Amino acid sequence: MKKYQKLYNLKYSDLSKVWGLSEGTLRNWKSSGVFKQGRDYVGRGKTIRFAEDIAYRYPDFVEKSS
């Protein structure tokens, strides 16, 4: 839980460190609505549940961040 509390003011650089994905990938996903729809990313041996990690914990990021 601590890692989420540290990311209160989320930035793409923070998310890319947490998930091990490039900032460009995250920007593309945000612009295509992936975060908002709560899809899961499965790859590189891990599953990222956007609905749990982002949409519920950090609605401001989903709606406003750039």
PDB file of N, CA and C in Angstrom:
ATOM      1  N   MET A   1       0.824  -1.201   0.000  1.00  0.00           N
ATOM      2  CA  MET A   1       0.000   0.000   0.000  1.00  0.00           C
ATOM      3  C   MET A   1       0.863   1.257   0.000  1.00  0.00           C
ATOM      4  N   LYS A   2       2.055   1.158   0.595  1.00  0.00           N
ATOM      5  CA  LYS A   2       2.901   2.347   0.687  1.00  0.00           C
ATOM      6  C   LYS A   2       3.235   2.931  -0.668  1.00  0.00           C
ATOM      7  N   LYS A   3       3.484   2.083  -1.648  1.00  0.00           N
ATOM      8  CA  LYS A   3       3.885   2.623  -2.950  1.00  0.00           C
ATOM      9  C   LYS A   3       2.772   3.478  -3.552  1.00  0.00           C
ATOM     10  N   TYR A   4       1.531   3.154  -3.245  1.00  0.00           N
ATOM     11  CA  TYR A   4       0.432   3.959  -3.772  1.00  0.00           C
ATOM     12  C   TYR A   4       0.333   5.292  -3.047  1.00  0.00           C
ATOM     13  N   GLN A   5       0.576   5.280  -1.743  1.00  0.00           N
ATOM     14  CA  GLN A   5       0.502   6.522  -0.989  1.00  0.00           C
ATOM     15  C   GLN A   5       1.568   7.503  -1.457  1.00  0.00           C
ATOM     16  N   LYS A   6       2.724   6.995  -1.846  1.00  0.00           N
ATOM     17  CA  LYS A   6       3.791   7.861  -2.340  1.00  0.00           C
ATOM     18  C   LYS A   6       3.396   8.546  -3.636  1.00  0.00           C
ATOM     19  N   LEU A   7       2.520   7.927  -4.405  1.00  0.00           N
ATOM     20  CA  LEU A   7       2.181   8.435  -5.732  1.00  0.00           C
ATOM     21  C   LEU A   7       0.911   9.283  -5.694  1.00  0.00           C
ATOM     22  N   TYR A   8       0.762  10.068  -4.646  1.00  0.00           N
ATOM     23  CA  TYR A   8      -0.474  10.847  -4.529  1.00  0.00           C
ATOM     24  C   TYR A   8      -0.635  11.807  -5.698  1.00  0.00           C
ATOM     25  N   ASN A   9       0.433  12.543  -6.023  1.00  0.00           N
ATOM     26  CA  ASN A   9       0.393  13.406  -7.203  1.00  0.00           C
ATOM     27  C   ASN A   9       1.017  12.649  -8.367  1.00  0.00           C
ATOM     28  N   LEU A  10       0.202  11.895  -9.047  1.00  0.00           N
ATOM     29  CA  LEU A  10       0.731  10.985 -10.055  1.00  0.00           C
ATOM     30  C   LEU A  10       1.249  11.713 -11.279  1.00  0.00           C
ATOM     31  N   LYS A  11       2.366  11.212 -11.786  1.00  0.00           N
ATOM     32  CA  LYS A  11       2.912  11.684 -13.048  1.00  0.00           C
ATOM     33  C   LYS A  11       3.210  10.446 -13.882  1.00  0.00           C
ATOM     34  N   TYR A  12       3.334  10.642 -15.180  1.00  0.00           N
ATOM     35  CA  TYR A  12       3.653   9.496 -16.028  1.00  0.00           C
ATOM     36  C   TYR A  12       4.968   8.857 -15.613  1.00  0.00           C
ATOM     37  N   SER A  13       5.947   9.681 -15.188  1.00  0.00           N
ATOM     38  CA  SER A  13       7.238   9.115 -14.794  1.00  0.00           C
ATOM     39  C   SER A  13       7.082   8.203 -13.578  1.00  0.00           C
ATOM     40  N   ASP A  14       6.184   8.572 -12.653  1.00  0.00           N
ATOM     41  CA  ASP A  14       5.945   7.721 -11.486  1.00  0.00           C
ATOM     42  C   ASP A  14       5.326   6.395 -11.907  1.00  0.00           C
ATOM     43  N   LEU A  15       4.313   6.484 -12.754  1.00  0.00           N
ATOM     44  CA  LEU A  15       3.622   5.266 -13.178  1.00  0.00           C
ATOM     45  C   LEU A  15       4.541   4.372 -13.988  1.00  0.00           C
ATOM     46  N   SER A  16       5.392   4.965 -14.811  1.00  0.00           N
ATOM     47  CA  SER A  16       6.275   4.133 -15.623  1.00  0.00           C
ATOM     48  C   SER A  16       7.261   3.384 -14.735  1.00  0.00           C
ATOM     49  N   LYS A  17       7.670   3.983 -13.611  1.00  0.00           N
ATOM     50  CA  LYS A  17       8.557   3.281 -12.678  1.00  0.00           C
ATOM     51  C   LYS A  17       7.825   2.151 -11.975  1.00  0.00           C
ATOM     52  N   VAL A  18       6.609   2.427 -11.541  1.00  0.00           N
ATOM     53  CA  VAL A  18       5.846   1.415 -10.811  1.00  0.00           C
ATOM     54  C   VAL A  18       5.552   0.213 -11.701  1.00  0.00           C
ATOM     55  N   TRP A  19       5.141   0.474 -12.931  1.00  0.00           N
ATOM     56  CA  TRP A  19       4.701  -0.603 -13.813  1.00  0.00           C
ATOM     57  C   TRP A  19       5.772  -1.086 -14.778  1.00  0.00           C
ATOM     58  N   GLY A  20       6.896  -0.376 -14.869  1.00  0.00           N
ATOM     59  CA  GLY A  20       7.948  -0.785 -15.792  1.00  0.00           C
ATOM     60  C   GLY A  20       7.569  -0.612 -17.247  1.00  0.00           C
ATOM     61  N   LEU A  21       6.773   0.420 -17.540  1.00  0.00           N
ATOM     62  CA  LEU A  21       6.364   0.706 -18.913  1.00  0.00           C
ATOM     63  C   LEU A  21       6.822   2.111 -19.267  1.00  0.00           C
ATOM     64  N   SER A  22       6.970   2.376 -20.552  1.00  0.00           N
ATOM     65  CA  SER A  22       7.450   3.699 -20.959  1.00  0.00           C
ATOM     66  C   SER A  22       6.362   4.754 -20.787  1.00  0.00           C
ATOM     67  N   GLU A  23       6.793   6.002 -20.588  1.00  0.00           N
ATOM     68  CA  GLU A  23       5.828   7.095 -20.463  1.00  0.00           C
ATOM     69  C   GLU A  23       5.027   7.253 -21.749  1.00  0.00           C
ATOM     70  N   GLY A  24       5.669   7.038 -22.889  1.00  0.00           N
ATOM     71  CA  GLY A  24       4.965   7.136 -24.165  1.00  0.00           C
ATOM     72  C   GLY A  24       3.812   6.152 -24.255  1.00  0.00           C
ATOM     73  N   THR A  25       4.062   4.929 -23.777  1.00  0.00           N
ATOM     74  CA  THR A  25       3.007   3.917 -23.770  1.00  0.00           C
ATOM     75  C   THR A  25       1.840   4.367 -22.905  1.00  0.00           C
ATOM     76  N   LEU A  26       2.158   4.903 -21.731  1.00  0.00           N
ATOM     77  CA  LEU A  26       1.097   5.348 -20.827  1.00  0.00           C
ATOM     78  C   LEU A  26       0.304   6.498 -21.429  1.00  0.00           C
ATOM     79  N   ARG A  27       0.995   7.419 -22.108  1.00  0.00           N
ATOM     80  CA  ARG A  27       0.301   8.541 -22.750  1.00  0.00           C
ATOM     81  C   ARG A  27      -0.644   8.036 -23.836  1.00  0.00           C
ATOM     82  N   ASN A  28      -0.165   7.081 -24.623  1.00  0.00           N
ATOM     83  CA  ASN A  28      -1.007   6.517 -25.682  1.00  0.00           C
ATOM     84  C   ASN A  28      -2.235   5.836 -25.085  1.00  0.00           C
ATOM     85  N   TRP A  29      -2.013   5.099 -24.003  1.00  0.00           N
ATOM     86  CA  TRP A  29      -3.139   4.407 -23.378  1.00  0.00           C
ATOM     87  C   TRP A  29      -4.138   5.396 -22.813  1.00  0.00           C
ATOM     88  N   LYS A  30      -3.639   6.480 -22.199  1.00  0.00           N
ATOM     89  CA  LYS A  30      -4.559   7.458 -21.631  1.00  0.00           C
ATOM     90  C   LYS A  30      -5.395   8.100 -22.736  1.00  0.00           C
ATOM     91  N   SER A  31      -4.740   8.466 -23.833  1.00  0.00           N
ATOM     92  CA  SER A  31      -5.465   9.145 -24.909  1.00  0.00           C
ATOM     93  C   SER A  31      -6.472   8.215 -25.572  1.00  0.00           C
ATOM     94  N   SER A  32      -6.225   6.908 -25.524  1.00  0.00           N
ATOM     95  CA  SER A  32      -7.174   5.972 -26.129  1.00  0.00           C
ATOM     96  C   SER A  32      -8.202   5.455 -25.120  1.00  0.00           C
ATOM     97  N   GLY A  33      -8.185   6.001 -23.895  1.00  0.00           N
ATOM     98  CA  GLY A  33      -9.223   5.655 -22.929  1.00  0.00           C
ATOM     99  C   GLY A  33      -9.006   4.372 -22.163  1.00  0.00           C
ATOM    100  N   VAL A  34      -7.790   3.838 -22.211  1.00  0.00           N
ATOM    101  CA  VAL A  34      -7.545   2.567 -21.533  1.00  0.00           C
ATOM    102  C   VAL A  34      -7.747   2.694 -20.024  1.00  0.00           C
ATOM    103  N   PHE A  35      -7.215   3.779 -19.427  1.00  0.00           N
ATOM    104  CA  PHE A  35      -7.339   3.932 -17.978  1.00  0.00           C
ATOM    105  C   PHE A  35      -8.805   4.041 -17.577  1.00  0.00           C
ATOM    106  N   LYS A  36      -9.542   4.843 -18.305  1.00  0.00           N
ATOM    107  CA  LYS A  36     -10.921   5.123 -17.935  1.00  0.00           C
ATOM    108  C   LYS A  36     -11.764   3.858 -18.019  1.00  0.00           C
ATOM    109  N   GLN A  37     -11.467   3.007 -18.994  1.00  0.00           N
ATOM    110  CA  GLN A  37     -12.255   1.793 -19.174  1.00  0.00           C
ATOM    111  C   GLN A  37     -11.825   0.679 -18.231  1.00  0.00           C
ATOM    112  N   GLY A  38     -10.725   0.897 -17.507  1.00  0.00           N
ATOM    113  CA  GLY A  38     -10.300  -0.089 -16.527  1.00  0.00           C
ATOM    114  C   GLY A  38      -9.833  -1.396 -17.132  1.00  0.00           C
ATOM    115  N   ARG A  39      -9.282  -1.333 -18.327  1.00  0.00           N
ATOM    116  CA  ARG A  39      -8.768  -2.559 -18.934  1.00  0.00           C
ATOM    117  C   ARG A  39      -7.533  -3.041 -18.185  1.00  0.00           C
ATOM    118  N   ASP A  40      -7.238  -4.316 -18.340  1.00  0.00           N
ATOM    119  CA  ASP A  40      -6.014  -4.868 -17.772  1.00  0.00           C
ATOM    120  C   ASP A  40      -4.946  -4.945 -18.843  1.00  0.00           C
ATOM    121  N   TYR A  41      -3.718  -4.668 -18.437  1.00  0.00           N
ATOM    122  CA  TYR A  41      -2.577  -4.895 -19.324  1.00  0.00           C
ATOM    123  C   TYR A  41      -1.933  -6.180 -18.877  1.00  0.00           C
ATOM    124  N   VAL A  42      -1.746  -7.115 -19.786  1.00  0.00           N
ATOM    125  CA  VAL A  42      -1.087  -8.367 -19.455  1.00  0.00           C
ATOM    126  C   VAL A  42       0.113  -8.503 -20.366  1.00  0.00           C
ATOM    127  N   GLY A  43       1.283  -8.610 -19.767  1.00  0.00           N
ATOM    128  CA  GLY A  43       2.485  -8.746 -20.574  1.00  0.00           C
ATOM    129  C   GLY A  43       3.713  -8.663 -19.704  1.00  0.00           C
ATOM    130  N   ARG A  44       4.841  -9.070 -20.248  1.00  0.00           N
ATOM    131  CA  ARG A  44       6.105  -9.059 -19.514  1.00  0.00           C
ATOM    132  C   ARG A  44       5.955  -9.724 -18.148  1.00  0.00           C
ATOM    133  N   GLY A  45       5.144 -10.758 -18.098  1.00  0.00           N
ATOM    134  CA  GLY A  45       5.005 -11.526 -16.873  1.00  0.00           C
ATOM    135  C   GLY A  45       4.217 -10.848 -15.773  1.00  0.00           C
ATOM    136  N   LYS A  46       3.430  -9.830 -16.121  1.00  0.00           N
ATOM    137  CA  LYS A  46       2.655  -9.180 -15.068  1.00  0.00           C
ATOM    138  C   LYS A  46       1.319  -8.721 -15.610  1.00  0.00           C
ATOM    139  N   THR A  47       0.388  -8.543 -14.707  1.00  0.00           N
ATOM    140  CA  THR A  47      -0.914  -8.000 -15.051  1.00  0.00           C
ATOM    141  C   THR A  47      -1.078  -6.689 -14.311  1.00  0.00           C
ATOM    142  N   ILE A  48      -1.451  -5.644 -15.012  1.00  0.00           N
ATOM    143  CA  ILE A  48      -1.702  -4.354 -14.396  1.00  0.00           C
ATOM    144  C   ILE A  48      -3.196  -4.102 -14.465  1.00  0.00           C
ATOM    145  N   ARG A  49      -3.816  -3.991 -13.325  1.00  0.00           N
ATOM    146  CA  ARG A  49      -5.256  -3.762 -13.292  1.00  0.00           C
ATOM    147  C   ARG A  49      -5.501  -2.272 -13.143  1.00  0.00           C
ATOM    148  N   PHE A  50      -5.732  -1.605 -14.275  1.00  0.00           N
ATOM    149  CA  PHE A  50      -5.887  -0.157 -14.250  1.00  0.00           C
ATOM    150  C   PHE A  50      -7.082   0.261 -13.406  1.00  0.00           C
ATOM    151  N   ALA A  51      -8.152  -0.496 -13.482  1.00  0.00           N
ATOM    152  CA  ALA A  51      -9.358  -0.117 -12.747  1.00  0.00           C
ATOM    153  C   ALA A  51      -9.070  -0.041 -11.255  1.00  0.00           C
ATOM    154  N   GLU A  52      -8.260  -0.974 -10.759  1.00  0.00           N
ATOM    155  CA  GLU A  52      -7.944  -0.980  -9.335  1.00  0.00           C
ATOM    156  C   GLU A  52      -6.873   0.049  -9.009  1.00  0.00           C
ATOM    157  N   ASP A  53      -5.813   0.069  -9.805  1.00  0.00           N
ATOM    158  CA  ASP A  53      -4.653   0.894  -9.457  1.00  0.00           C
ATOM    159  C   ASP A  53      -4.855   2.363  -9.763  1.00  0.00           C
ATOM    160  N   ILE A  54      -5.667   2.679 -10.745  1.00  0.00           N
ATOM    161  CA  ILE A  54      -5.807   4.069 -11.170  1.00  0.00           C
ATOM    162  C   ILE A  54      -7.226   4.581 -10.985  1.00  0.00           C
ATOM    163  N   ALA A  55      -8.171   4.011 -11.664  1.00  0.00           N
ATOM    164  CA  ALA A  55      -9.508   4.610 -11.711  1.00  0.00           C
ATOM    165  C   ALA A  55     -10.123   4.780 -10.325  1.00  0.00           C
ATOM    166  N   TYR A  56      -9.918   3.797  -9.437  1.00  0.00           N
ATOM    167  CA  TYR A  56     -10.538   3.887  -8.119  1.00  0.00           C
ATOM    168  C   TYR A  56      -9.693   4.681  -7.138  1.00  0.00           C
ATOM    169  N   ARG A  57      -8.391   4.456  -7.169  1.00  0.00           N
ATOM    170  CA  ARG A  57      -7.529   5.134  -6.202  1.00  0.00           C
ATOM    171  C   ARG A  57      -7.243   6.571  -6.598  1.00  0.00           C
ATOM    172  N   TYR A  58      -7.155   6.820  -7.914  1.00  0.00           N
ATOM    173  CA  TYR A  58      -6.707   8.131  -8.387  1.00  0.00           C
ATOM    174  C   TYR A  58      -7.605   8.674  -9.489  1.00  0.00           C
ATOM    175  N   PRO A  59      -8.869   8.937  -9.209  1.00  0.00           N
ATOM    176  CA  PRO A  59      -9.766   9.412 -10.270  1.00  0.00           C
ATOM    177  C   PRO A  59      -9.293  10.711 -10.914  1.00  0.00           C
ATOM    178  N   ASP A  60      -8.577  11.545 -10.147  1.00  0.00           N
ATOM    179  CA  ASP A  60      -8.090  12.802 -10.716  1.00  0.00           C
ATOM    180  C   ASP A  60      -7.121  12.555 -11.855  1.00  0.00           C
ATOM    181  N   PHE A  61      -6.309  11.509 -11.725  1.00  0.00           N
ATOM    182  CA  PHE A  61      -5.355  11.215 -12.789  1.00  0.00           C
ATOM    183  C   PHE A  61      -6.094  10.799 -14.052  1.00  0.00           C
ATOM    184  N   VAL A  62      -7.094   9.962 -13.885  1.00  0.00           N
ATOM    185  CA  VAL A  62      -7.839   9.476 -15.043  1.00  0.00           C
ATOM    186  C   VAL A  62      -8.520  10.630 -15.768  1.00  0.00           C
ATOM    187  N   GLU A  63      -9.062  11.558 -15.005  1.00  0.00           N
ATOM    188  CA  GLU A  63      -9.846  12.628 -15.617  1.00  0.00           C
ATOM    189  C   GLU A  63      -9.000  13.780 -16.132  1.00  0.00           C
ATOM    190  N   LYS A  64      -7.972  14.188 -15.370  1.00  0.00           N
ATOM    191  CA  LYS A  64      -7.374  15.491 -15.627  1.00  0.00           C
ATOM    192  C   LYS A  64      -5.921  15.498 -16.062  1.00  0.00           C
ATOM    193  N   SER A  65      -5.133  14.491 -15.677  1.00  0.00           N
ATOM    194  CA  SER A  65      -3.690  14.669 -15.824  1.00  0.00           C
ATOM    195  C   SER A  65      -3.276  14.677 -17.281  1.00  0.00           C
ATOM    196  N   SER A  66      -2.126  15.262 -17.557  1.00  0.00           N
ATOM    197  CA  SER A  66      -1.666  15.336 -18.940  1.00  0.00           C
ATOM    198  C   SER A  66      -0.185  15.043 -19.000  1.00  0.00           C
TER     199      SER A  66
END
